[in-house]
Amino acid sequence: SIPNKKIEDPVAGKVNTSSLATTRQHLSGFHL
């Protein structure tokens, strides 16, 4: 995989749960 330079958040709202507060890099993406 090649990461894109510019990442846009398609949803305006942010997820603020404590389980997701530290792992921002794994919040989006696909697996083959």
PDB file of all heavy atoms in Angstrom:
ATOM      1  N   SER A   1       0.838  -1.195   0.000  1.00  0.00           N
ATOM      2  CA  SER A   1       0.000   0.000   0.000  1.00  0.00           C
ATOM      3  C   SER A   1       0.874   1.247   0.000  1.00  0.00           C
ATOM      4  O   SER A   1       1.974   1.256   0.543  1.00  0.00           O
ATOM      5  CB  SER A   1      -0.942   0.021   1.205  1.00  0.00           C
ATOM      6  OG  SER A   1      -0.229   0.178   2.402  1.00  0.00           O
ATOM      7  N   ILE A   2       0.352   2.287  -0.639  1.00  0.00           N
ATOM      8  CA  ILE A   2       1.044   3.567  -0.715  1.00  0.00           C
ATOM      9  C   ILE A   2       0.145   4.605  -0.060  1.00  0.00           C
ATOM     10  O   ILE A   2      -0.971   4.836  -0.537  1.00  0.00           O
ATOM     11  CB  ILE A   2       1.308   3.956  -2.186  1.00  0.00           C
ATOM     12  CG1 ILE A   2       2.081   2.841  -2.897  1.00  0.00           C
ATOM     13  CG2 ILE A   2       2.027   5.289  -2.273  1.00  0.00           C
ATOM     14  CD1 ILE A   2       2.049   2.939  -4.400  1.00  0.00           C
ATOM     15  N   PRO A   3       0.578   5.229   1.044  1.00  0.00           N
ATOM     16  CA  PRO A   3      -0.297   6.219   1.697  1.00  0.00           C
ATOM     17  C   PRO A   3      -0.448   7.476   0.851  1.00  0.00           C
ATOM     18  O   PRO A   3       0.481   7.898   0.170  1.00  0.00           O
ATOM     19  CB  PRO A   3       0.417   6.520   3.018  1.00  0.00           C
ATOM     20  CG  PRO A   3       1.821   6.080   2.820  1.00  0.00           C
ATOM     21  CD  PRO A   3       1.826   5.031   1.751  1.00  0.00           C
ATOM     22  N   ASN A   4      -1.654   8.062   0.874  1.00  0.00           N
ATOM     23  CA  ASN A   4      -1.901   9.314   0.178  1.00  0.00           C
ATOM     24  C   ASN A   4      -1.342  10.468   0.996  1.00  0.00           C
ATOM     25  O   ASN A   4      -1.316  10.423   2.225  1.00  0.00           O
ATOM     26  CB  ASN A   4      -3.402   9.533  -0.036  1.00  0.00           C
ATOM     27  CG  ASN A   4      -3.956   8.619  -1.098  1.00  0.00           C
ATOM     28  OD1 ASN A   4      -3.203   8.016  -1.855  1.00  0.00           O
ATOM     29  ND2 ASN A   4      -5.257   8.506  -1.148  1.00  0.00           N
ATOM     30  N   LYS A   5      -0.897  11.511   0.306  1.00  0.00           N
ATOM     31  CA  LYS A   5      -0.331  12.671   1.001  1.00  0.00           C
ATOM     32  C   LYS A   5      -1.411  13.463   1.743  1.00  0.00           C
ATOM     33  O   LYS A   5      -1.242  13.865   2.857  1.00  0.00           O
ATOM     34  CB  LYS A   5       0.364  13.597  -0.010  1.00  0.00           C
ATOM     35  CG  LYS A   5       1.482  12.917  -0.756  1.00  0.00           C
ATOM     36  CD  LYS A   5       2.663  12.654   0.132  1.00  0.00           C
ATOM     37  CE  LYS A   5       3.799  12.084  -0.678  1.00  0.00           C
ATOM     38  NZ  LYS A   5       4.505  11.031  -0.050  1.00  0.00           N
ATOM     39  N   LYS A   6      -2.556  13.667   1.068  1.00  0.00           N
ATOM     40  CA  LYS A   6      -3.616  14.462   1.648  1.00  0.00           C
ATOM     41  C   LYS A   6      -4.765  13.545   2.045  1.00  0.00           C
ATOM     42  O   LYS A   6      -5.314  12.833   1.217  1.00  0.00           O
ATOM     43  CB  LYS A   6      -4.109  15.488   0.627  1.00  0.00           C
ATOM     44  CG  LYS A   6      -5.199  16.385   1.126  1.00  0.00           C
ATOM     45  CD  LYS A   6      -5.608  17.354   0.039  1.00  0.00           C
ATOM     46  CE  LYS A   6      -6.772  18.192   0.480  1.00  0.00           C
ATOM     47  NZ  LYS A   6      -7.281  19.010  -0.604  1.00  0.00           N
ATOM     48  N   ILE A   7      -5.119  13.547   3.324  1.00  0.00           N
ATOM     49  CA  ILE A   7      -6.206  12.712   3.810  1.00  0.00           C
ATOM     50  C   ILE A   7      -7.352  13.620   4.221  1.00  0.00           C
ATOM     51  O   ILE A   7      -7.194  14.509   5.056  1.00  0.00           O
ATOM     52  CB  ILE A   7      -5.746  11.850   5.011  1.00  0.00           C
ATOM     53  CG1 ILE A   7      -4.628  10.916   4.584  1.00  0.00           C
ATOM     54  CG2 ILE A   7      -6.921  11.084   5.599  1.00  0.00           C
ATOM     55  CD1 ILE A   7      -4.009  10.141   5.713  1.00  0.00           C
ATOM     56  N   GLU A   8      -8.500  13.391   3.601  1.00  0.00           N
ATOM     57  CA  GLU A   8      -9.682  14.159   3.946  1.00  0.00           C
ATOM     58  C   GLU A   8     -10.599  13.308   4.791  1.00  0.00           C
ATOM     59  O   GLU A   8     -10.814  12.142   4.507  1.00  0.00           O
ATOM     60  CB  GLU A   8     -10.419  14.598   2.675  1.00  0.00           C
ATOM     61  CG  GLU A   8      -9.624  15.551   1.824  1.00  0.00           C
ATOM     62  CD  GLU A   8     -10.392  15.958   0.577  1.00  0.00           C
ATOM     63  OE1 GLU A   8     -11.603  15.718   0.522  1.00  0.00           O
ATOM     64  OE2 GLU A   8      -9.766  16.509  -0.324  1.00  0.00           O
ATOM     65  N   ASP A   9     -11.186  13.915   5.837  1.00  0.00           N
ATOM     66  CA  ASP A   9     -12.137  13.218   6.666  1.00  0.00           C
ATOM     67  C   ASP A   9     -13.513  13.371   6.031  1.00  0.00           C
ATOM     68  O   ASP A   9     -14.032  14.477   5.939  1.00  0.00           O
ATOM     69  CB  ASP A   9     -12.132  13.805   8.081  1.00  0.00           C
ATOM     70  CG  ASP A   9     -12.943  12.967   9.057  1.00  0.00           C
ATOM     71  OD1 ASP A   9     -13.305  11.827   8.682  1.00  0.00           O
ATOM     72  OD2 ASP A   9     -13.224  13.446  10.162  1.00  0.00           O
ATOM     73  N   PRO A  10     -14.127  12.264   5.538  1.00  0.00           N
ATOM     74  CA  PRO A  10     -15.399  12.388   4.847  1.00  0.00           C
ATOM     75  C   PRO A  10     -16.555  12.745   5.768  1.00  0.00           C
ATOM     76  O   PRO A  10     -17.596  13.196   5.320  1.00  0.00           O
ATOM     77  CB  PRO A  10     -15.601  11.002   4.236  1.00  0.00           C
ATOM     78  CG  PRO A  10     -14.849  10.094   5.122  1.00  0.00           C
ATOM     79  CD  PRO A  10     -13.679  10.896   5.621  1.00  0.00           C
ATOM     80  N   VAL A  11     -16.392  12.559   7.058  1.00  0.00           N
ATOM     81  CA  VAL A  11     -17.451  12.848   8.015  1.00  0.00           C
ATOM     82  C   VAL A  11     -16.996  14.015   8.885  1.00  0.00           C
ATOM     83  O   VAL A  11     -15.892  14.020   9.412  1.00  0.00           O
ATOM     84  CB  VAL A  11     -17.730  11.600   8.889  1.00  0.00           C
ATOM     85  CG1 VAL A  11     -18.831  11.892   9.878  1.00  0.00           C
ATOM     86  CG2 VAL A  11     -18.079  10.423   8.017  1.00  0.00           C
ATOM     87  N   ALA A  12     -17.856  14.997   9.051  1.00  0.00           N
ATOM     88  CA  ALA A  12     -17.472  16.189   9.805  1.00  0.00           C
ATOM     89  C   ALA A  12     -17.305  15.881  11.286  1.00  0.00           C
ATOM     90  O   ALA A  12     -16.490  16.479  11.968  1.00  0.00           O
ATOM     91  CB  ALA A  12     -18.510  17.285   9.614  1.00  0.00           C
ATOM     92  N   GLY A  13     -18.086  14.961  11.820  1.00  0.00           N
ATOM     93  CA  GLY A  13     -18.012  14.645  13.243  1.00  0.00           C
ATOM     94  C   GLY A  13     -16.799  13.819  13.581  1.00  0.00           C
ATOM     95  O   GLY A  13     -16.314  13.029  12.780  1.00  0.00           O
ATOM     96  N   LYS A  14     -16.281  14.000  14.755  1.00  0.00           N
ATOM     97  CA  LYS A  14     -15.128  13.237  15.220  1.00  0.00           C
ATOM     98  C   LYS A  14     -15.594  12.163  16.196  1.00  0.00           C
ATOM     99  O   LYS A  14     -16.558  12.353  16.931  1.00  0.00           O
ATOM    100  CB  LYS A  14     -14.127  14.151  15.936  1.00  0.00           C
ATOM    101  CG  LYS A  14     -13.569  15.240  15.065  1.00  0.00           C
ATOM    102  CD  LYS A  14     -12.437  14.727  14.259  1.00  0.00           C
ATOM    103  CE  LYS A  14     -11.782  15.873  13.543  1.00  0.00           C
ATOM    104  NZ  LYS A  14     -11.167  15.507  12.334  1.00  0.00           N
ATOM    105  N   VAL A  15     -14.882  11.054  16.231  1.00  0.00           N
ATOM    106  CA  VAL A  15     -15.171  10.000  17.184  1.00  0.00           C
ATOM    107  C   VAL A  15     -14.349  10.285  18.433  1.00  0.00           C
ATOM    108  O   VAL A  15     -13.132  10.395  18.373  1.00  0.00           O
ATOM    109  CB  VAL A  15     -14.800   8.622  16.591  1.00  0.00           C
ATOM    110  CG1 VAL A  15     -15.068   7.521  17.591  1.00  0.00           C
ATOM    111  CG2 VAL A  15     -15.578   8.397  15.317  1.00  0.00           C
ATOM    112  N   ASN A  16     -15.012  10.405  19.575  1.00  0.00           N
ATOM    113  CA  ASN A  16     -14.318  10.789  20.796  1.00  0.00           C
ATOM    114  C   ASN A  16     -14.396   9.725  21.881  1.00  0.00           C
ATOM    115  O   ASN A  16     -14.375  10.040  23.058  1.00  0.00           O
ATOM    116  CB  ASN A  16     -14.893  12.102  21.341  1.00  0.00           C
ATOM    117  CG  ASN A  16     -14.543  13.280  20.462  1.00  0.00           C
ATOM    118  OD1 ASN A  16     -13.446  13.322  19.905  1.00  0.00           O
ATOM    119  ND2 ASN A  16     -15.454  14.216  20.314  1.00  0.00           N
ATOM    120  N   THR A  17     -14.486   8.464  21.518  1.00  0.00           N
ATOM    121  CA  THR A  17     -14.502   7.430  22.542  1.00  0.00           C
ATOM    122  C   THR A  17     -13.083   7.181  23.029  1.00  0.00           C
ATOM    123  O   THR A  17     -12.116   7.359  22.296  1.00  0.00           O
ATOM    124  CB  THR A  17     -15.105   6.122  21.992  1.00  0.00           C
ATOM    125  OG1 THR A  17     -14.319   5.694  20.898  1.00  0.00           O
ATOM    126  CG2 THR A  17     -16.546   6.317  21.565  1.00  0.00           C
ATOM    127  N   SER A  18     -12.957   6.747  24.253  1.00  0.00           N
ATOM    128  CA  SER A  18     -11.625   6.576  24.839  1.00  0.00           C
ATOM    129  C   SER A  18     -10.843   5.457  24.160  1.00  0.00           C
ATOM    130  O   SER A  18      -9.625   5.496  24.094  1.00  0.00           O
ATOM    131  CB  SER A  18     -11.735   6.300  26.333  1.00  0.00           C
ATOM    132  OG  SER A  18     -12.444   5.092  26.540  1.00  0.00           O
ATOM    133  N   SER A  19     -11.539   4.449  23.638  1.00  0.00           N
ATOM    134  CA  SER A  19     -10.820   3.343  22.994  1.00  0.00           C
ATOM    135  C   SER A  19     -10.185   3.763  21.681  1.00  0.00           C
ATOM    136  O   SER A  19      -9.252   3.127  21.209  1.00  0.00           O
ATOM    137  CB  SER A  19     -11.761   2.170  22.763  1.00  0.00           C
ATOM    138  OG  SER A  19     -12.788   2.552  21.884  1.00  0.00           O
ATOM    139  N   LEU A  20     -10.678   4.835  21.069  1.00  0.00           N
ATOM    140  CA  LEU A  20     -10.144   5.290  19.790  1.00  0.00           C
ATOM    141  C   LEU A  20      -9.299   6.560  19.918  1.00  0.00           C
ATOM    142  O   LEU A  20      -8.837   7.095  18.929  1.00  0.00           O
ATOM    143  CB  LEU A  20     -11.285   5.559  18.806  1.00  0.00           C
ATOM    144  CG  LEU A  20     -12.171   4.361  18.487  1.00  0.00           C
ATOM    145  CD1 LEU A  20     -13.333   4.792  17.627  1.00  0.00           C
ATOM    146  CD2 LEU A  20     -11.380   3.280  17.809  1.00  0.00           C
ATOM    147  N   ALA A  21      -9.105   7.049  21.122  1.00  0.00           N
ATOM    148  CA  ALA A  21      -8.415   8.319  21.318  1.00  0.00           C
ATOM    149  C   ALA A  21      -6.943   8.266  20.946  1.00  0.00           C
ATOM    150  O   ALA A  21      -6.378   9.262  20.516  1.00  0.00           O
ATOM    151  CB  ALA A  21      -8.564   8.777  22.765  1.00  0.00           C
ATOM    152  N   THR A  22      -6.295   7.113  21.083  1.00  0.00           N
ATOM    153  CA  THR A  22      -4.851   7.052  20.851  1.00  0.00           C
ATOM    154  C   THR A  22      -4.471   6.466  19.501  1.00  0.00           C
ATOM    155  O   THR A  22      -3.373   6.684  19.028  1.00  0.00           O
ATOM    156  CB  THR A  22      -4.169   6.206  21.945  1.00  0.00           C
ATOM    157  OG1 THR A  22      -4.749   4.907  21.916  1.00  0.00           O
ATOM    158  CG2 THR A  22      -4.355   6.842  23.305  1.00  0.00           C
ATOM    159  N   THR A  23      -5.350   5.734  18.854  1.00  0.00           N
ATOM    160  CA  THR A  23      -4.986   5.064  17.603  1.00  0.00           C
ATOM    161  C   THR A  23      -5.639   5.748  16.418  1.00  0.00           C
ATOM    162  O   THR A  23      -6.590   5.243  15.852  1.00  0.00           O
ATOM    163  CB  THR A  23      -5.390   3.583  17.636  1.00  0.00           C
ATOM    164  OG1 THR A  23      -6.806   3.522  17.834  1.00  0.00           O
ATOM    165  CG2 THR A  23      -4.695   2.837  18.742  1.00  0.00           C
ATOM    166  N   ARG A  24      -5.145   6.887  16.027  1.00  0.00           N
ATOM    167  CA  ARG A  24      -5.707   7.641  14.909  1.00  0.00           C
ATOM    168  C   ARG A  24      -5.357   7.041  13.551  1.00  0.00           C
ATOM    169  O   ARG A  24      -6.085   7.210  12.597  1.00  0.00           O
ATOM    170  CB  ARG A  24      -5.218   9.098  14.953  1.00  0.00           C
ATOM    171  CG  ARG A  24      -5.953   9.921  15.959  1.00  0.00           C
ATOM    172  CD  ARG A  24      -7.331  10.230  15.454  1.00  0.00           C
ATOM    173  NE  ARG A  24      -8.091  10.910  16.474  1.00  0.00           N
ATOM    174  CZ  ARG A  24      -9.380  10.791  16.639  1.00  0.00           C
ATOM    175  NH1 ARG A  24     -10.073  10.001  15.862  1.00  0.00           N
ATOM    176  NH2 ARG A  24     -10.012  11.445  17.587  1.00  0.00           N
ATOM    177  N   GLN A  25      -4.238   6.327  13.433  1.00  0.00           N
ATOM    178  CA  GLN A  25      -3.828   5.822  12.138  1.00  0.00           C
ATOM    179  C   GLN A  25      -4.669   4.627  11.686  1.00  0.00           C
ATOM    180  O   GLN A  25      -4.700   4.308  10.517  1.00  0.00           O
ATOM    181  CB  GLN A  25      -2.339   5.455  12.124  1.00  0.00           C
ATOM    182  CG  GLN A  25      -1.974   4.244  12.947  1.00  0.00           C
ATOM    183  CD  GLN A  25      -1.679   4.578  14.385  1.00  0.00           C
ATOM    184  OE1 GLN A  25      -2.023   5.642  14.874  1.00  0.00           O
ATOM    185  NE2 GLN A  25      -1.040   3.661  15.085  1.00  0.00           N
ATOM    186  N   HIS A  26      -5.370   3.951  12.584  1.00  0.00           N
ATOM    187  CA  HIS A  26      -6.126   2.765  12.214  1.00  0.00           C
ATOM    188  C   HIS A  26      -7.622   3.045  12.117  1.00  0.00           C
ATOM    189  O   HIS A  26      -8.418   2.117  12.118  1.00  0.00           O
ATOM    190  CB  HIS A  26      -5.873   1.641  13.221  1.00  0.00           C
ATOM    191  CG  HIS A  26      -4.432   1.239  13.284  1.00  0.00           C
ATOM    192  ND1 HIS A  26      -3.781   0.643  12.226  1.00  0.00           N
ATOM    193  CD2 HIS A  26      -3.514   1.364  14.262  1.00  0.00           C
ATOM    194  CE1 HIS A  26      -2.530   0.397  12.560  1.00  0.00           C
ATOM    195  NE2 HIS A  26      -2.339   0.831  13.780  1.00  0.00           N
ATOM    196  N   LEU A  27      -8.030   4.307  12.044  1.00  0.00           N
ATOM    197  CA  LEU A  27      -9.446   4.634  12.011  1.00  0.00           C
ATOM    198  C   LEU A  27     -10.049   4.502  10.621  1.00  0.00           C
ATOM    199  O   LEU A  27     -11.256   4.546  10.484  1.00  0.00           O
ATOM    200  CB  LEU A  27      -9.678   6.058  12.531  1.00  0.00           C
ATOM    201  CG  LEU A  27      -9.421   6.266  14.012  1.00  0.00           C
ATOM    202  CD1 LEU A  27      -9.731   7.691  14.399  1.00  0.00           C
ATOM    203  CD2 LEU A  27     -10.254   5.311  14.836  1.00  0.00           C
ATOM    204  N   SER A  28      -9.232   4.402   9.602  1.00  0.00           N
ATOM    205  CA  SER A  28      -9.771   4.285   8.260  1.00  0.00           C
ATOM    206  C   SER A  28      -8.890   3.364   7.451  1.00  0.00           C
ATOM    207  O   SER A  28      -7.729   3.147   7.773  1.00  0.00           O
ATOM    208  CB  SER A  28      -9.837   5.658   7.600  1.00  0.00           C
ATOM    209  OG  SER A  28      -8.545   6.199   7.469  1.00  0.00           O
ATOM    210  N   GLY A  29      -9.468   2.824   6.410  1.00  0.00           N
ATOM    211  CA  GLY A  29      -8.679   1.990   5.523  1.00  0.00           C
ATOM    212  C   GLY A  29      -9.399   0.723   5.131  1.00  0.00           C
ATOM    213  O   GLY A  29     -10.446   0.375   5.676  1.00  0.00           O
ATOM    214  N   PHE A  30      -8.819   0.057   4.155  1.00  0.00           N
ATOM    215  CA  PHE A  30      -9.360  -1.182   3.635  1.00  0.00           C
ATOM    216  C   PHE A  30      -8.316  -2.277   3.749  1.00  0.00           C
ATOM    217  O   PHE A  30      -7.125  -2.006   3.741  1.00  0.00           O
ATOM    218  CB  PHE A  30      -9.721  -1.014   2.150  1.00  0.00           C
ATOM    219  CG  PHE A  30     -10.954  -0.189   1.906  1.00  0.00           C
ATOM    220  CD1 PHE A  30     -10.861   1.167   1.663  1.00  0.00           C
ATOM    221  CD2 PHE A  30     -12.203  -0.778   1.895  1.00  0.00           C
ATOM    222  CE1 PHE A  30     -11.992   1.924   1.420  1.00  0.00           C
ATOM    223  CE2 PHE A  30     -13.345  -0.038   1.644  1.00  0.00           C
ATOM    224  CZ  PHE A  30     -13.237   1.320   1.411  1.00  0.00           C
ATOM    225  N   HIS A  31      -8.782  -3.512   3.849  1.00  0.00           N
ATOM    226  CA  HIS A  31      -7.912  -4.691   3.788  1.00  0.00           C
ATOM    227  C   HIS A  31      -8.371  -5.559   2.631  1.00  0.00           C
ATOM    228  O   HIS A  31      -9.574  -5.724   2.414  1.00  0.00           O
ATOM    229  CB  HIS A  31      -7.977  -5.506   5.077  1.00  0.00           C
ATOM    230  CG  HIS A  31      -7.157  -4.956   6.193  1.00  0.00           C
ATOM    231  ND1 HIS A  31      -5.789  -4.832   6.120  1.00  0.00           N
ATOM    232  CD2 HIS A  31      -7.505  -4.500   7.415  1.00  0.00           C
ATOM    233  CE1 HIS A  31      -5.343  -4.320   7.253  1.00  0.00           C
ATOM    234  NE2 HIS A  31      -6.361  -4.108   8.049  1.00  0.00           N
ATOM    235  N   LEU A  32      -7.407  -6.111   1.907  1.00  0.00           N
ATOM    236  CA  LEU A  32      -7.701  -7.035   0.812  1.00  0.00           C
ATOM    237  C   LEU A  32      -7.594  -8.470   1.322  1.00  0.00           C
ATOM    238  O   LEU A  32      -6.622  -8.827   1.973  1.00  0.00           O
ATOM    239  CB  LEU A  32      -6.703  -6.835  -0.331  1.00  0.00           C
ATOM    240  CG  LEU A  32      -6.934  -5.621  -1.201  1.00  0.00           C
ATOM    241  CD1 LEU A  32      -5.724  -5.346  -2.067  1.00  0.00           C
ATOM    242  CD2 LEU A  32      -8.161  -5.810  -2.058  1.00  0.00           C
TER     243      LEU A  32
END
